[in-house]
C-alpha atoms as a PDB file:
ATOM      1  CA  ALA A   1     -15.989   4.257   2.311  1.00  0.00           C
ATOM      2  CA  VAL A   2     -18.829   4.758  -0.131  1.00  0.00           C
ATOM      3  CA  ASP A   3     -20.461   7.232   2.230  1.00  0.00           C
ATOM      4  CA  TRP A   4     -17.267   9.269   2.510  1.00  0.00           C
ATOM      5  CA  ALA A   5     -16.905   9.318  -1.276  1.00  0.00           C
ATOM      6  CA  ARG A   6     -20.534  10.411  -1.704  1.00  0.00           C
ATOM      7  CA  LYS A   7     -19.943  13.237   0.764  1.00  0.00           C
ATOM      8  CA  GLY A   8     -17.306  14.610  -1.567  1.00  0.00           C
ATOM      9  CA  PHE A   9     -14.081  13.519   0.053  1.00  0.00           C
ATOM     10  CA  SER A  10     -11.237  13.449  -2.440  1.00  0.00           C
ATOM     11  CA  TRP A  11      -9.087  10.779  -0.696  1.00  0.00           C
ATOM     12  CA  LEU A  12      -9.558   7.838   1.649  1.00  0.00           C
ATOM     13  CA  HIS A  13      -6.983   7.044   4.318  1.00  0.00           C
ATOM     14  CA  ILE A  14      -7.125   3.359   5.272  1.00  0.00           C
ATOM     15  CA  VAL A  15      -5.038   1.678   7.969  1.00  0.00           C
ATOM     16  CA  ASP A  16      -5.008  -2.074   8.480  1.00  0.00           C
ATOM     17  CA  LEU A  17      -4.582  -1.908  12.264  1.00  0.00           C
ATOM     18  CA  ASN A  18      -4.507  -5.698  12.534  1.00  0.00           C
ATOM     19  CA  GLY A  19      -1.761  -5.704   9.942  1.00  0.00           C
ATOM     20  CA  ALA A  20       0.184  -3.072  11.843  1.00  0.00           C
ATOM     21  CA  VAL A  21       0.143  -5.285  14.938  1.00  0.00           C
ATOM     22  CA  GLU A  22       0.914  -8.507  13.037  1.00  0.00           C
ATOM     23  CA  GLY A  23       3.625  -6.940  10.865  1.00  0.00           C
ATOM     24  CA  ALA A  24       1.969  -8.020   7.617  1.00  0.00           C
ATOM     25  CA  PRO A  25      -1.303  -7.134   5.878  1.00  0.00           C
ATOM     26  CA  VAL A  26      -4.308  -8.903   7.436  1.00  0.00           C
ATOM     27  CA  ASN A  27      -7.412  -7.238   6.006  1.00  0.00           C
ATOM     28  CA  GLN A  28      -6.644  -7.555   2.309  1.00  0.00           C
ATOM     29  CA  HIS A  29     -10.198  -8.601   1.454  1.00  0.00           C
ATOM     30  CA  ALA A  30     -11.687  -5.484   3.049  1.00  0.00           C
ATOM     31  CA  VAL A  31      -9.171  -3.235   1.301  1.00  0.00           C
ATOM     32  CA  ARG A  32      -9.998  -4.831  -2.055  1.00  0.00           C
ATOM     33  CA  GLU A  33     -13.724  -4.327  -1.432  1.00  0.00           C
ATOM     34  CA  ILE A  34     -13.127  -0.658  -0.690  1.00  0.00           C
ATOM     35  CA  LEU A  35     -11.017  -0.268  -3.838  1.00  0.00           C
ATOM     36  CA  GLN A  36     -13.844  -1.764  -5.896  1.00  0.00           C
ATOM     37  CA  SER A  37     -16.519   0.346  -4.215  1.00  0.00           C
ATOM     38  CA  VAL A  38     -15.190   3.860  -4.707  1.00  0.00           C
ATOM     39  CA  ASP A  39     -13.571   5.847  -7.459  1.00  0.00           C
ATOM     40  CA  ILE A  40     -11.503   8.194  -5.300  1.00  0.00           C
ATOM     41  CA  PRO A  41      -7.831   7.596  -4.493  1.00  0.00           C
ATOM     42  CA  LEU A  42      -6.962   5.506  -1.476  1.00  0.00           C
ATOM     43  CA  GLN A  43      -3.838   5.614   0.653  1.00  0.00           C
ATOM     44  CA  LEU A  44      -3.052   2.527   2.698  1.00  0.00           C
ATOM     45  CA  GLY A  45      -0.913   1.729   5.698  1.00  0.00           C
ATOM     46  CA  GLY A  46      -0.654  -0.958   8.311  1.00  0.00           C
ATOM     47  CA  GLY A  47       1.587  -3.991   8.068  1.00  0.00           C
ATOM     48  CA  ILE A  48       3.308  -2.961   4.860  1.00  0.00           C
ATOM     49  CA  ARG A  49       6.932  -3.754   5.618  1.00  0.00           C
ATOM     50  CA  THR A  50       8.501  -4.706   2.287  1.00  0.00           C
ATOM     51  CA  HIS A  51       8.917  -3.302  -1.185  1.00  0.00           C
ATOM     52  CA  ALA A  52       7.023  -6.315  -2.554  1.00  0.00           C
ATOM     53  CA  GLN A  53       4.017  -5.643  -0.300  1.00  0.00           C
ATOM     54  CA  ALA A  54       3.979  -1.973  -1.313  1.00  0.00           C
ATOM     55  CA  GLU A  55       4.259  -2.854  -4.997  1.00  0.00           C
ATOM     56  CA  HIS A  56       1.444  -5.396  -4.639  1.00  0.00           C
ATOM     57  CA  TRP A  57      -0.942  -2.776  -3.257  1.00  0.00           C
ATOM     58  CA  LEU A  58       0.035  -0.232  -5.887  1.00  0.00           C
ATOM     59  CA  GLN A  59      -0.782  -2.820  -8.551  1.00  0.00           C
ATOM     60  CA  GLU A  60      -4.124  -3.504  -6.820  1.00  0.00           C
ATOM     61  CA  GLY A  61      -5.039   0.168  -7.231  1.00  0.00           C
ATOM     62  CA  VAL A  62      -3.890   1.870  -4.032  1.00  0.00           C
ATOM     63  CA  SER A  63      -2.593   5.337  -4.890  1.00  0.00           C
ATOM     64  CA  ARG A  64      -0.282   5.925  -1.922  1.00  0.00           C
ATOM     65  CA  ILE A  65       1.479   3.672   0.548  1.00  0.00           C
ATOM     66  CA  ILE A  66       1.996   4.761   4.146  1.00  0.00           C
ATOM     67  CA  LEU A  67       5.113   3.415   5.825  1.00  0.00           C
ATOM     68  CA  GLY A  68       5.616   3.760   9.565  1.00  0.00           C
ATOM     69  CA  THR A  69       7.449   0.910  11.258  1.00  0.00           C
ATOM     70  CA  ALA A  70       9.138  -0.087   8.003  1.00  0.00           C
ATOM     71  CA  ALA A  71      10.502   3.423   7.536  1.00  0.00           C
ATOM     72  CA  VAL A  72      12.055   3.353  11.006  1.00  0.00           C
ATOM     73  CA  GLN A  73      13.342  -0.218  10.852  1.00  0.00           C
ATOM     74  CA  ASP A  74      14.512  -0.097   7.216  1.00  0.00           C
ATOM     75  CA  PRO A  75      15.294   3.489   6.155  1.00  0.00           C
ATOM     76  CA  ASP A  76      16.673   2.238   2.834  1.00  0.00           C
ATOM     77  CA  LEU A  77      13.172   1.045   1.934  1.00  0.00           C
ATOM     78  CA  VAL A  78      11.875   4.603   1.755  1.00  0.00           C
ATOM     79  CA  LYS A  79      14.811   5.807  -0.299  1.00  0.00           C
END
């Protein structure tokens, strides 16, 4: 992540693939380390299936939340 930021990228796109499979965030520690290591915005997906999980990550410093399965299974969540 630091390397991408140093190369001038303006955003990071992070997907917790383990979380996507499990249906809940799994790699929270790694995401937090990335958030602390760079000063560019980060968008995060993978295992985020509830409003509370999305709100948690926004409070942690994630700039955008990516919803895939949750958007299909619970369309009201994205409204």
